[in-house]
């Protein structure tokens, strides 16, 4: 059986249906893989990766944080991503790539080598709906706390770390919310299961500090955009009780760069508020390649 979609594993291009790993592999059974998810966006001059260099750098950082030796240089991974996007004719979608231990292991510590797998799909091929202009979410505050940096490497994208966010999301959905908001172990607002959060009062934007959150790549771009737009932004400690002072809120992440929040528990927000709309409009321009200053974040994908 074939899928008609090509993937890249350890230097070879194969059909995606053949991309398998033993159930008893260390990374499948222990969650020891590291990964990245990156957007492919449509621009006036063709499709482009958004923040390719930043994502590959973080991928290698995550591997280093978990004592994993990736057997390919960053240039090879970048080339694989570019070629896969071309082969699969990706115009708007996602790339996802992993470093993992493929060998069967029963022990806690892996003893085998590391493999790298790279995937690149259009949204229509990977079962993910392209973000809509009118998307927004209701949010519940999860009882599951964000992992403490002294318990694991919270700034790395490790597969096992995301069980924490999975539980938070499932709990919030069981109470009728669309999404979860996680606090850190000190009781401060941290982030969503797979997104950073921004809160707005007047023309001031605040976001949690980076001690216990994944410093998102989209978050970094939004902070830069806010500075350029003349809106002061602060990285501060925010408690749930502080939410009443904010008028707008949004999540930021790869699959939905600016996702307005309608409410957090019983606190309602203007959705989308004027500043949220303005930021979203600016980010959309950045993704389309319409802002020369941000061309540095776009890597055009070659056509046939």
Protein backbone atom coordinates (compact mmCIF):
# COMPACT_ATOMS: atom_id res chain seq x y z
CA UNK A 1 0.00 0.00 0.00
CA UNK A 2 1.25 3.48 -0.84
CA UNK A 3 0.14 6.94 0.26
CA UNK A 4 1.32 8.93 -2.74
CA UNK A 5 3.17 11.25 -0.34
CA UNK A 6 6.93 11.17 0.00
CA UNK A 7 8.88 11.36 3.23
CA UNK A 8 12.61 11.46 4.04
CA UNK A 9 14.21 9.09 6.54
CA UNK A 10 17.93 8.93 7.16
CA UNK A 11 18.85 10.26 3.76
CA UNK A 12 16.33 8.32 1.66
CA UNK A 13 13.09 9.46 0.07
CA UNK A 14 10.38 6.82 0.55
CA UNK A 15 6.60 6.59 0.47
CA UNK A 16 5.04 7.86 3.68
CA UNK A 17 3.20 4.55 4.20
CA UNK A 18 6.58 2.85 4.57
CA UNK A 19 7.70 5.18 7.34
CA UNK A 20 7.39 2.84 10.31
CA UNK A 21 9.07 2.24 13.66
CA UNK A 22 8.86 -0.83 15.97
CA UNK A 23 6.33 -0.51 18.77
CA UNK A 24 9.08 -1.43 21.23
CA UNK A 25 11.43 1.25 20.00
CA UNK A 26 12.75 3.50 22.73
CA UNK A 27 11.23 6.69 21.37
CA UNK A 28 7.79 5.15 20.82
CA UNK A 29 7.60 3.45 24.22
CA UNK A 30 9.50 6.04 26.26
CA UNK A 31 8.64 9.32 24.48
CA UNK A 32 12.31 10.19 23.93
CA UNK A 33 12.00 11.70 20.43
CA UNK A 34 12.45 15.42 19.75
CA UNK A 35 10.58 17.23 17.01
CA UNK A 36 9.64 20.47 15.28
CA UNK A 37 6.54 21.69 13.45
CA UNK A 38 6.91 24.46 10.89
CA UNK A 39 4.51 26.27 8.57
CA UNK A 40 4.61 26.43 4.79
CA UNK A 41 2.93 29.66 3.73
CA UNK A 42 1.75 31.00 0.37
CA UNK A 43 3.39 34.18 -0.87
CA UNK A 44 3.05 36.20 -4.05
CA UNK A 45 6.22 34.56 -5.38
CA UNK A 46 5.37 31.01 -4.35
CA UNK A 47 5.36 28.85 -1.21
CA UNK A 48 7.90 29.45 1.55
CA UNK A 49 8.91 27.99 4.87
CA UNK A 50 8.31 30.35 7.79
CA UNK A 51 11.33 30.56 10.10
CA UNK A 52 13.15 27.58 8.60
CA UNK A 53 16.52 28.43 10.17
CA UNK A 54 14.99 29.07 13.58
CA UNK A 55 13.08 25.77 13.59
CA UNK A 56 16.06 23.68 12.51
CA UNK A 57 18.26 25.40 15.09
CA UNK A 58 15.73 24.65 17.85
CA UNK A 59 15.46 21.07 16.62
CA UNK A 60 19.20 20.61 17.10
CA UNK A 61 19.03 22.46 20.44
CA UNK A 62 16.30 20.05 21.63
CA UNK A 63 18.45 17.09 20.62
CA UNK A 64 21.41 18.50 22.51
CA UNK A 65 19.30 19.11 25.61
CA UNK A 66 18.33 15.41 25.63
CA UNK A 67 21.88 14.11 25.00
CA UNK A 68 20.84 12.94 21.54
CA UNK A 69 23.43 12.95 18.75
CA UNK A 70 21.73 13.82 15.45
CA UNK A 71 23.68 12.07 12.66
CA UNK A 72 23.04 14.78 10.04
CA UNK A 73 24.22 18.39 9.84
CA UNK A 74 21.66 21.20 9.76
CA UNK A 75 22.33 21.78 6.05
CA UNK A 76 21.21 18.23 5.21
CA UNK A 77 17.99 18.62 7.21
CA UNK A 78 17.24 21.94 5.51
CA UNK A 79 17.85 20.39 2.08
CA UNK A 80 15.55 17.46 2.91
CA UNK A 81 12.78 19.86 3.94
CA UNK A 82 13.13 21.91 0.76
CA UNK A 83 13.16 18.88 -1.51
CA UNK A 84 10.19 17.23 0.23
CA UNK A 85 8.11 20.39 -0.10
CA UNK A 86 8.94 20.46 -3.81
CA UNK A 87 8.26 16.73 -4.38
CA UNK A 88 4.93 16.86 -2.50
CA UNK A 89 3.92 20.15 -4.18
CA UNK A 90 3.26 21.79 -0.81
CA UNK A 91 1.81 25.28 -1.16
CA UNK A 92 0.18 25.81 2.25
CA UNK A 93 0.70 23.33 5.04
CA UNK A 94 3.11 21.99 7.60
CA UNK A 95 6.45 20.29 7.95
CA UNK A 96 7.16 18.03 10.90
CA UNK A 97 10.49 16.42 11.62
CA UNK A 98 11.77 14.08 14.32
CA UNK A 99 14.99 12.72 15.76
CA UNK A 100 14.34 9.43 17.49
CA UNK A 101 15.76 6.10 18.69
CA UNK A 102 14.35 3.46 16.31
CA UNK A 103 15.82 0.31 17.86
CA UNK A 104 13.91 -2.03 20.16
CA UNK A 105 14.88 -1.19 23.74
CA UNK A 106 13.59 -2.45 27.07
CA UNK A 107 15.79 -0.29 29.26
CA UNK A 108 15.34 3.29 30.35
CA UNK A 109 18.46 4.51 28.57
CA UNK A 110 18.75 4.03 24.78
CA UNK A 111 21.83 2.23 23.49
CA UNK A 112 21.23 2.39 19.74
CA UNK A 113 21.68 5.07 17.13
CA UNK A 114 19.50 8.05 16.22
CA UNK A 115 17.31 8.35 13.10
CA UNK A 116 15.83 11.47 11.54
CA UNK A 117 12.47 11.56 9.76
CA UNK A 118 11.13 14.54 7.82
CA UNK A 119 7.53 15.04 6.64
CA UNK A 120 5.98 17.87 4.65
CA UNK A 121 2.28 18.03 3.71
CA UNK A 122 -0.40 20.37 2.47
CA UNK A 123 -3.09 21.02 5.08
CA UNK A 124 -5.52 18.98 2.97
CA UNK A 125 -3.19 15.95 3.12
CA UNK A 126 -2.55 15.85 6.86
CA UNK A 127 -6.09 16.22 8.21
CA UNK A 128 -5.54 19.69 9.66
CA UNK A 129 -7.84 22.52 8.72
CA UNK A 130 -6.14 25.69 7.56
CA UNK A 131 -6.69 28.41 10.20
CA UNK A 132 -9.81 30.46 9.51
CA UNK A 133 -10.22 34.22 9.75
CA UNK A 134 -13.05 33.86 12.27
CA UNK A 135 -11.43 31.24 14.50
CA UNK A 136 -11.48 31.84 18.26
CA UNK A 137 -11.45 29.69 21.39
CA UNK A 138 -12.87 29.43 24.89
CA UNK A 139 -10.26 28.45 27.47
CA UNK A 140 -10.31 26.60 30.77
CA UNK A 141 -7.57 26.84 33.38
CA UNK A 142 -6.22 23.33 33.79
CA UNK A 143 -5.45 21.72 37.16
CA UNK A 144 -2.43 20.14 35.46
CA UNK A 145 0.58 22.39 35.99
CA UNK A 146 3.30 23.14 33.48
CA UNK A 147 6.37 20.97 34.00
CA UNK A 148 8.94 22.60 36.25
CA UNK A 149 12.36 23.29 34.63
CA UNK A 150 14.05 21.28 37.37
CA UNK A 151 12.07 18.19 36.40
CA UNK A 152 12.74 18.15 32.65
CA UNK A 153 14.11 20.30 29.86
CA UNK A 154 11.05 22.52 29.33
CA UNK A 155 12.66 24.63 26.59
CA UNK A 156 13.13 21.61 24.33
CA UNK A 157 10.44 20.03 22.17
CA UNK A 158 10.55 16.52 23.61
CA UNK A 159 7.69 14.18 22.71
CA UNK A 160 7.22 12.95 26.27
CA UNK A 161 6.80 16.49 27.61
CA UNK A 162 3.60 16.89 25.62
CA UNK A 163 1.66 14.31 27.65
CA UNK A 164 1.35 17.14 30.17
CA UNK A 165 -0.41 19.38 27.62
CA UNK A 166 -2.51 16.52 26.30
CA UNK A 167 -3.95 15.92 29.77
CA UNK A 168 -4.59 19.64 30.25
CA UNK A 169 -6.46 19.90 26.95
CA UNK A 170 -8.54 16.78 27.58
CA UNK A 171 -9.53 18.00 31.05
CA UNK A 172 -10.58 21.43 29.77
CA UNK A 173 -12.57 19.91 26.92
CA UNK A 174 -14.34 17.64 29.38
CA UNK A 175 -15.67 20.87 30.97
CA UNK A 176 -16.85 22.29 27.66
CA UNK A 177 -13.92 24.55 26.77
CA UNK A 178 -12.10 24.49 23.44
CA UNK A 179 -8.61 24.83 24.84
CA UNK A 180 -6.57 24.77 28.05
CA UNK A 181 -4.41 27.30 29.84
CA UNK A 182 -1.70 25.93 32.09
CA UNK A 183 -0.20 27.51 35.19
CA UNK A 184 3.35 26.90 36.35
CA UNK A 185 4.10 25.28 39.70
CA UNK A 186 4.23 28.75 41.29
CA UNK A 187 0.64 29.46 40.24
CA UNK A 188 1.51 31.92 37.47
CA UNK A 189 0.00 31.72 33.97
CA UNK A 190 2.39 29.84 31.66
CA UNK A 191 0.99 28.83 28.26
CA UNK A 192 -1.46 26.64 26.38
CA UNK A 193 -0.68 22.97 25.64
CA UNK A 194 0.99 23.96 22.36
CA UNK A 195 0.78 27.76 22.19
CA UNK A 196 2.01 30.86 23.97
CA UNK A 197 -0.44 33.44 25.32
CA UNK A 198 -0.64 37.24 25.02
CA UNK A 199 -2.90 39.46 27.15
CA UNK A 200 -3.82 43.05 26.27
CA UNK A 201 -4.95 46.06 28.29
CA UNK A 202 -5.32 49.29 26.40
CA UNK A 203 -2.30 49.46 24.13
CA UNK A 204 -0.05 47.39 26.38
CA UNK A 205 0.59 43.73 25.60
CA UNK A 206 1.81 41.34 28.30
CA UNK A 207 3.00 37.75 28.03
CA UNK A 208 4.43 35.35 30.61
CA UNK A 209 8.16 35.24 31.25
CA UNK A 210 10.23 32.45 29.73
CA UNK A 211 11.33 30.52 32.81
CA UNK A 212 8.67 27.82 32.52
CA UNK A 213 7.38 28.21 28.96
CA UNK A 214 8.62 27.12 25.56
CA UNK A 215 9.88 30.37 23.98
CA UNK A 216 7.86 29.95 20.79
CA UNK A 217 9.31 30.98 17.44
CA UNK A 218 6.00 32.57 16.43
CA UNK A 219 5.99 34.31 19.82
CA UNK A 220 9.41 35.79 19.03
CA UNK A 221 8.18 37.16 15.69
CA UNK A 222 5.05 38.63 17.30
CA UNK A 223 7.16 40.39 19.94
CA UNK A 224 9.24 41.90 17.14
CA UNK A 225 6.12 42.92 15.21
CA UNK A 226 4.61 44.55 18.30
CA UNK A 227 7.77 46.60 18.83
CA UNK A 228 7.67 47.75 15.20
CA UNK A 229 3.99 48.68 15.53
CA UNK A 230 4.78 50.88 18.52
CA UNK A 231 2.95 48.80 21.12
CA UNK A 232 4.92 48.32 24.34
CA UNK A 233 5.10 44.68 25.34
CA UNK A 234 6.18 43.28 28.69
CA UNK A 235 7.17 39.83 29.83
CA UNK A 236 5.70 39.58 33.33
CA UNK A 237 4.39 37.18 35.94
CA UNK A 238 0.60 36.97 35.65
CA UNK A 239 -1.71 35.22 38.13
CA UNK A 240 -5.21 33.98 37.22
CA UNK A 241 -6.68 36.67 39.46
CA UNK A 242 -5.03 39.30 37.24
CA UNK A 243 -7.12 38.31 34.21
CA UNK A 244 -9.90 40.75 35.10
CA UNK A 245 -7.71 43.71 34.15
CA UNK A 246 -7.24 42.59 30.53
CA UNK A 247 -9.57 43.37 27.62
CA UNK A 248 -8.16 41.10 24.90
CA UNK A 249 -6.22 37.84 24.71
CA UNK A 250 -4.81 35.55 22.06
CA UNK A 251 -2.73 32.41 21.65
CA UNK A 252 0.21 32.21 19.25
CA UNK A 253 1.66 29.11 17.64
CA UNK A 254 2.77 27.55 14.38
CA UNK A 255 -0.60 26.27 13.20
CA UNK A 256 -2.48 29.44 14.16
CA UNK A 257 -0.17 32.45 14.64
CA UNK A 258 -2.81 34.71 16.23
CA UNK A 259 -5.80 32.85 17.69
CA UNK A 260 -8.25 35.15 19.55
CA UNK A 261 -9.53 34.01 22.95
CA UNK A 262 -13.22 34.59 23.74
CA UNK A 263 -12.99 33.78 27.43
CA UNK A 264 -10.81 32.22 30.10
CA UNK A 265 -13.09 30.45 32.55
CA UNK A 266 -15.68 33.15 33.46
CA UNK A 267 -13.64 36.11 32.23
CA UNK A 268 -14.91 37.32 28.82
CA UNK A 269 -12.72 39.22 26.37
CA UNK A 270 -13.41 41.42 23.36
CA UNK A 271 -12.99 38.87 20.58
CA UNK A 272 -11.26 39.73 18.48
CA UNK A 273 -10.32 43.05 20.01
CA UNK A 274 -8.92 45.92 17.95
CA UNK A 275 -5.28 45.34 18.83
CA UNK A 276 -5.61 41.58 18.27
CA UNK A 277 -7.09 42.25 14.83
CA UNK A 278 -4.25 44.64 14.02
CA UNK A 279 -1.58 42.17 15.09
CA UNK A 280 -3.24 39.35 13.16
CA UNK A 281 -3.44 41.49 10.04
CA UNK A 282 0.25 42.37 10.33
CA UNK A 283 1.28 38.74 10.87
CA UNK A 284 -0.76 37.72 7.82
CA UNK A 285 1.16 40.30 5.80
CA UNK A 286 4.44 38.91 7.14
CA UNK A 287 3.43 35.36 6.18
CA UNK A 288 2.47 36.50 2.67
CA UNK A 289 5.86 38.13 2.17
CA UNK A 290 4.33 41.60 1.95
CA UNK A 291 6.64 43.22 4.54
CA UNK A 292 10.25 43.53 3.31
CA UNK A 293 11.64 43.81 6.85
CA UNK A 294 10.42 40.28 7.62
CA UNK A 295 11.65 38.60 4.44
CA UNK A 296 14.42 37.19 6.64
CA UNK A 297 11.89 34.72 8.06
CA UNK A 298 10.79 33.34 4.68
CA UNK A 299 12.70 30.68 2.76
CA UNK A 300 11.25 30.24 -0.72
CA UNK A 301 10.67 26.67 -1.89
CA UNK A 302 12.01 25.99 -5.40
CA UNK A 303 9.53 24.99 -8.08
CA UNK A 304 10.03 22.32 -10.74
